[in-house]
């Protein structure tokens, strides 16, 4: 697997991913999610939860 990445053009800033990340690697700034690549543990919870499929691994 790879680190999670967010397609900023698709993200709607709903913050669903923030609540499921076990290491708090995701934050929402200016209405878009971003992933701290150093903290991401590649679990895939965020990608599975995103309602608009803006996150990929």
PDB file of N, CA and C in Angstrom:
ATOM      1  N   UNK A   1       0.836  -1.185   0.000  1.00  0.00           N
ATOM      2  CA  UNK A   1       0.000   0.000   0.000  1.00  0.00           C
ATOM      3  C   UNK A   1       0.880   1.247   0.000  1.00  0.00           C
ATOM      4  N   UNK A   2       0.240   2.369  -0.244  1.00  0.00           N
ATOM      5  CA  UNK A   2       0.937   3.646  -0.250  1.00  0.00           C
ATOM      6  C   UNK A   2       0.256   4.588   0.729  1.00  0.00           C
ATOM      7  N   UNK A   3       0.874   5.704   0.951  1.00  0.00           N
ATOM      8  CA  UNK A   3       0.296   6.713   1.834  1.00  0.00           C
ATOM      9  C   UNK A   3      -0.976   7.270   1.193  1.00  0.00           C
ATOM     10  N   UNK A   4      -1.910   7.690   2.024  1.00  0.00           N
ATOM     11  CA  UNK A   4      -3.158   8.268   1.536  1.00  0.00           C
ATOM     12  C   UNK A   4      -2.903   9.628   0.900  1.00  0.00           C
ATOM     13  N   UNK A   5      -3.596   9.886  -0.190  1.00  0.00           N
ATOM     14  CA  UNK A   5      -3.536  11.199  -0.834  1.00  0.00           C
ATOM     15  C   UNK A   5      -4.958  11.666  -1.098  1.00  0.00           C
ATOM     16  N   UNK A   6      -5.148  12.969  -1.065  1.00  0.00           N
ATOM     17  CA  UNK A   6      -6.470  13.564  -1.252  1.00  0.00           C
ATOM     18  C   UNK A   6      -6.510  14.307  -2.574  1.00  0.00           C
ATOM     19  N   UNK A   7      -7.511  14.006  -3.378  1.00  0.00           N
ATOM     20  CA  UNK A   7      -7.744  14.756  -4.610  1.00  0.00           C
ATOM     21  C   UNK A   7      -8.506  16.017  -4.196  1.00  0.00           C
ATOM     22  N   UNK A   8      -7.795  17.122  -4.125  1.00  0.00           N
ATOM     23  CA  UNK A   8      -8.379  18.376  -3.655  1.00  0.00           C
ATOM     24  C   UNK A   8      -9.553  18.853  -4.510  1.00  0.00           C
ATOM     25  N   UNK A   9      -9.580  18.478  -5.775  1.00  0.00           N
ATOM     26  CA  UNK A   9     -10.667  18.919  -6.642  1.00  0.00           C
ATOM     27  C   UNK A   9     -11.957  18.146  -6.385  1.00  0.00           C
ATOM     28  N   UNK A  10     -11.854  17.011  -5.668  1.00  0.00           N
ATOM     29  CA  UNK A  10     -13.028  16.188  -5.376  1.00  0.00           C
ATOM     30  C   UNK A  10     -13.485  16.349  -3.926  1.00  0.00           C
ATOM     31  N   UNK A  11     -12.555  16.597  -3.026  1.00  0.00           N
ATOM     32  CA  UNK A  11     -12.856  16.702  -1.589  1.00  0.00           C
ATOM     33  C   UNK A  11     -13.896  17.787  -1.323  1.00  0.00           C
ATOM     34  N   UNK A  12     -14.895  17.444  -0.486  1.00  0.00           N
ATOM     35  CA  UNK A  12     -15.944  18.395  -0.136  1.00  0.00           C
ATOM     36  C   UNK A  12     -15.810  18.903   1.305  1.00  0.00           C
ATOM     37  N   UNK A  13     -14.748  18.488   1.984  1.00  0.00           N
ATOM     38  CA  UNK A  13     -14.488  18.985   3.333  1.00  0.00           C
ATOM     39  C   UNK A  13     -15.453  18.512   4.391  1.00  0.00           C
ATOM     40  N   UNK A  14     -16.035  17.338   4.219  1.00  0.00           N
ATOM     41  CA  UNK A  14     -17.045  16.842   5.159  1.00  0.00           C
ATOM     42  C   UNK A  14     -16.467  16.367   6.492  1.00  0.00           C
ATOM     43  N   UNK A  15     -15.156  16.119   6.523  1.00  0.00           N
ATOM     44  CA  UNK A  15     -14.420  15.684   7.710  1.00  0.00           C
ATOM     45  C   UNK A  15     -14.711  14.262   8.165  1.00  0.00           C
ATOM     46  N   UNK A  16     -15.360  13.455   7.341  1.00  0.00           N
ATOM     47  CA  UNK A  16     -15.615  12.057   7.700  1.00  0.00           C
ATOM     48  C   UNK A  16     -14.306  11.313   7.920  1.00  0.00           C
ATOM     49  N   UNK A  17     -13.315  11.621   7.128  1.00  0.00           N
ATOM     50  CA  UNK A  17     -12.012  10.957   7.214  1.00  0.00           C
ATOM     51  C   UNK A  17     -11.272  11.301   8.500  1.00  0.00           C
ATOM     52  N   UNK A  18     -11.465  12.506   8.982  1.00  0.00           N
ATOM     53  CA  UNK A  18     -10.773  12.959  10.189  1.00  0.00           C
ATOM     54  C   UNK A  18     -11.132  12.071  11.377  1.00  0.00           C
ATOM     55  N   UNK A  19     -12.408  11.735  11.498  1.00  0.00           N
ATOM     56  CA  UNK A  19     -12.871  10.941  12.629  1.00  0.00           C
ATOM     57  C   UNK A  19     -12.444   9.489  12.619  1.00  0.00           C
ATOM     58  N   UNK A  20     -12.115   8.956  11.454  1.00  0.00           N
ATOM     59  CA  UNK A  20     -11.746   7.532  11.391  1.00  0.00           C
ATOM     60  C   UNK A  20     -10.241   7.287  11.376  1.00  0.00           C
ATOM     61  N   UNK A  21      -9.456   8.317  11.217  1.00  0.00           N
ATOM     62  CA  UNK A  21      -8.002   8.135  11.174  1.00  0.00           C
ATOM     63  C   UNK A  21      -7.477   7.796  12.570  1.00  0.00           C
ATOM     64  N   UNK A  22      -6.867   6.605  12.724  1.00  0.00           N
ATOM     65  CA  UNK A  22      -6.415   6.174  14.051  1.00  0.00           C
ATOM     66  C   UNK A  22      -5.184   6.914  14.565  1.00  0.00           C
ATOM     67  N   UNK A  23      -4.512   7.650  13.688  1.00  0.00           N
ATOM     68  CA  UNK A  23      -3.304   8.363  14.117  1.00  0.00           C
ATOM     69  C   UNK A  23      -3.426   9.880  13.936  1.00  0.00           C
ATOM     70  N   UNK A  24      -4.633  10.348  13.715  1.00  0.00           N
ATOM     71  CA  UNK A  24      -4.895  11.795  13.552  1.00  0.00           C
ATOM     72  C   UNK A  24      -4.000  12.440  12.497  1.00  0.00           C
ATOM     73  N   UNK A  25      -3.828  11.756  11.386  1.00  0.00           N
ATOM     74  CA  UNK A  25      -2.965  12.258  10.313  1.00  0.00           C
ATOM     75  C   UNK A  25      -3.701  13.159   9.327  1.00  0.00           C
ATOM     76  N   UNK A  26      -5.012  13.319   9.504  1.00  0.00           N
ATOM     77  CA  UNK A  26      -5.794  14.102   8.544  1.00  0.00           C
ATOM     78  C   UNK A  26      -6.358  15.347   9.208  1.00  0.00           C
ATOM     79  N   UNK A  27      -6.245  16.453   8.501  1.00  0.00           N
ATOM     80  CA  UNK A  27      -6.839  17.698   8.967  1.00  0.00           C
ATOM     81  C   UNK A  27      -7.571  18.339   7.795  1.00  0.00           C
ATOM     82  N   UNK A  28      -8.502  19.220   8.116  1.00  0.00           N
ATOM     83  CA  UNK A  28      -9.236  19.931   7.074  1.00  0.00           C
ATOM     84  C   UNK A  28      -8.919  21.414   7.215  1.00  0.00           C
ATOM     85  N   UNK A  29      -8.372  21.981   6.158  1.00  0.00           N
ATOM     86  CA  UNK A  29      -8.022  23.398   6.129  1.00  0.00           C
ATOM     87  C   UNK A  29      -8.607  24.016   4.877  1.00  0.00           C
ATOM     88  N   UNK A  30      -9.235  25.159   5.033  1.00  0.00           N
ATOM     89  CA  UNK A  30      -9.862  25.849   3.899  1.00  0.00           C
ATOM     90  C   UNK A  30     -10.834  24.947   3.152  1.00  0.00           C
ATOM     91  N   UNK A  31     -11.536  24.078   3.891  1.00  0.00           N
ATOM     92  CA  UNK A  31     -12.565  23.242   3.301  1.00  0.00           C
ATOM     93  C   UNK A  31     -12.065  22.017   2.555  1.00  0.00           C
ATOM     94  N   UNK A  32     -10.792  21.688   2.691  1.00  0.00           N
ATOM     95  CA  UNK A  32     -10.225  20.520   2.008  1.00  0.00           C
ATOM     96  C   UNK A  32      -9.386  19.704   2.980  1.00  0.00           C
ATOM     97  N   UNK A  33      -9.492  18.376   2.880  1.00  0.00           N
ATOM     98  CA  UNK A  33      -8.705  17.490   3.730  1.00  0.00           C
ATOM     99  C   UNK A  33      -7.279  17.400   3.223  1.00  0.00           C
ATOM    100  N   UNK A  34      -6.362  17.214   4.158  1.00  0.00           N
ATOM    101  CA  UNK A  34      -4.967  16.955   3.788  1.00  0.00           C
ATOM    102  C   UNK A  34      -4.414  15.917   4.745  1.00  0.00           C
ATOM    103  N   UNK A  35      -3.492  15.109   4.234  1.00  0.00           N
ATOM    104  CA  UNK A  35      -2.920  14.008   4.997  1.00  0.00           C
ATOM    105  C   UNK A  35      -1.464  14.310   5.332  1.00  0.00           C
ATOM    106  N   UNK A  36      -1.123  14.187   6.604  1.00  0.00           N
ATOM    107  CA  UNK A  36       0.265  14.320   7.029  1.00  0.00           C
ATOM    108  C   UNK A  36       0.968  13.023   6.643  1.00  0.00           C
ATOM    109  N   UNK A  37       1.766  13.080   5.602  1.00  0.00           N
ATOM    110  CA  UNK A  37       2.413  11.883   5.064  1.00  0.00           C
ATOM    111  C   UNK A  37       3.342  11.207   6.066  1.00  0.00           C
ATOM    112  N   UNK A  38       3.919  11.967   6.977  1.00  0.00           N
ATOM    113  CA  UNK A  38       4.817  11.386   7.975  1.00  0.00           C
ATOM    114  C   UNK A  38       4.059  10.585   9.027  1.00  0.00           C
ATOM    115  N   UNK A  39       2.784  10.930   9.263  1.00  0.00           N
ATOM    116  CA  UNK A  39       1.982  10.251  10.280  1.00  0.00           C
ATOM    117  C   UNK A  39       1.130   9.110   9.734  1.00  0.00           C
ATOM    118  N   UNK A  40       0.801   9.154   8.459  1.00  0.00           N
ATOM    119  CA  UNK A  40      -0.078   8.155   7.843  1.00  0.00           C
ATOM    120  C   UNK A  40       0.493   6.746   7.991  1.00  0.00           C
ATOM    121  N   UNK A  41      -0.366   5.813   8.437  1.00  0.00           N
ATOM    122  CA  UNK A  41       0.057   4.419   8.628  1.00  0.00           C
ATOM    123  C   UNK A  41      -0.528   3.489   7.556  1.00  0.00           C
ATOM    124  N   UNK A  42      -1.089   4.078   6.506  1.00  0.00           N
ATOM    125  CA  UNK A  42      -1.580   3.321   5.350  1.00  0.00           C
ATOM    126  C   UNK A  42      -2.667   2.301   5.690  1.00  0.00           C
ATOM    127  N   UNK A  43      -3.520   2.620   6.656  1.00  0.00           N
ATOM    128  CA  UNK A  43      -4.553   1.659   7.060  1.00  0.00           C
ATOM    129  C   UNK A  43      -5.744   1.616   6.104  1.00  0.00           C
ATOM    130  N   UNK A  44      -5.991   2.715   5.379  1.00  0.00           N
ATOM    131  CA  UNK A  44      -7.081   2.753   4.416  1.00  0.00           C
ATOM    132  C   UNK A  44      -8.437   3.138   4.966  1.00  0.00           C
ATOM    133  N   UNK A  45      -8.518   3.413   6.255  1.00  0.00           N
ATOM    134  CA  UNK A  45      -9.812   3.772   6.863  1.00  0.00           C
ATOM    135  C   UNK A  45     -10.396   5.028   6.233  1.00  0.00           C
ATOM    136  N   UNK A  46      -9.561   5.998   5.953  1.00  0.00           N
ATOM    137  CA  UNK A  46     -10.044   7.252   5.373  1.00  0.00           C
ATOM    138  C   UNK A  46     -10.606   7.039   3.969  1.00  0.00           C
ATOM    139  N   UNK A  47      -9.894   6.277   3.168  1.00  0.00           N
ATOM    140  CA  UNK A  47     -10.344   6.021   1.802  1.00  0.00           C
ATOM    141  C   UNK A  47     -11.660   5.255   1.789  1.00  0.00           C
ATOM    142  N   UNK A  48     -11.803   4.318   2.718  1.00  0.00           N
ATOM    143  CA  UNK A  48     -13.032   3.528   2.792  1.00  0.00           C
ATOM    144  C   UNK A  48     -14.219   4.365   3.267  1.00  0.00           C
ATOM    145  N   UNK A  49     -13.947   5.407   4.020  1.00  0.00           N
ATOM    146  CA  UNK A  49     -14.995   6.230   4.609  1.00  0.00           C
ATOM    147  C   UNK A  49     -15.416   7.407   3.735  1.00  0.00           C
ATOM    148  N   UNK A  50     -14.523   7.901   2.903  1.00  0.00           N
ATOM    149  CA  UNK A  50     -14.806   9.092   2.112  1.00  0.00           C
ATOM    150  C   UNK A  50     -16.023   8.888   1.215  1.00  0.00           C
ATOM    151  N   UNK A  51     -17.055   9.732   1.400  1.00  0.00           N
ATOM    152  CA  UNK A  51     -18.287   9.559   0.614  1.00  0.00           C
ATOM    153  C   UNK A  51     -18.176   9.982  -0.843  1.00  0.00           C
ATOM    154  N   UNK A  52     -17.125  10.714  -1.190  1.00  0.00           N
ATOM    155  CA  UNK A  52     -16.969  11.162  -2.577  1.00  0.00           C
ATOM    156  C   UNK A  52     -15.718  10.568  -3.239  1.00  0.00           C
ATOM    157  N   UNK A  53     -15.113   9.586  -2.583  1.00  0.00           N
ATOM    158  CA  UNK A  53     -13.919   8.896  -3.098  1.00  0.00           C
ATOM    159  C   UNK A  53     -12.782   9.857  -3.463  1.00  0.00           C
ATOM    160  N   UNK A  54     -12.571  10.849  -2.602  1.00  0.00           N
ATOM    161  CA  UNK A  54     -11.507  11.815  -2.836  1.00  0.00           C
ATOM    162  C   UNK A  54     -10.159  11.326  -2.322  1.00  0.00           C
ATOM    163  N   UNK A  55     -10.148  10.254  -1.530  1.00  0.00           N
ATOM    164  CA  UNK A  55      -8.900   9.756  -0.943  1.00  0.00           C
ATOM    165  C   UNK A  55      -8.521   8.431  -1.570  1.00  0.00           C
ATOM    166  N   UNK A  56      -7.254   8.331  -1.937  1.00  0.00           N
ATOM    167  CA  UNK A  56      -6.760   7.078  -2.495  1.00  0.00           C
ATOM    168  C   UNK A  56      -5.465   6.680  -1.804  1.00  0.00           C
ATOM    169  N   UNK A  57      -5.150   5.392  -1.891  1.00  0.00           N
ATOM    170  CA  UNK A  57      -3.905   4.886  -1.312  1.00  0.00           C
ATOM    171  C   UNK A  57      -2.982   4.448  -2.429  1.00  0.00           C
TER     172      UNK A  57
END
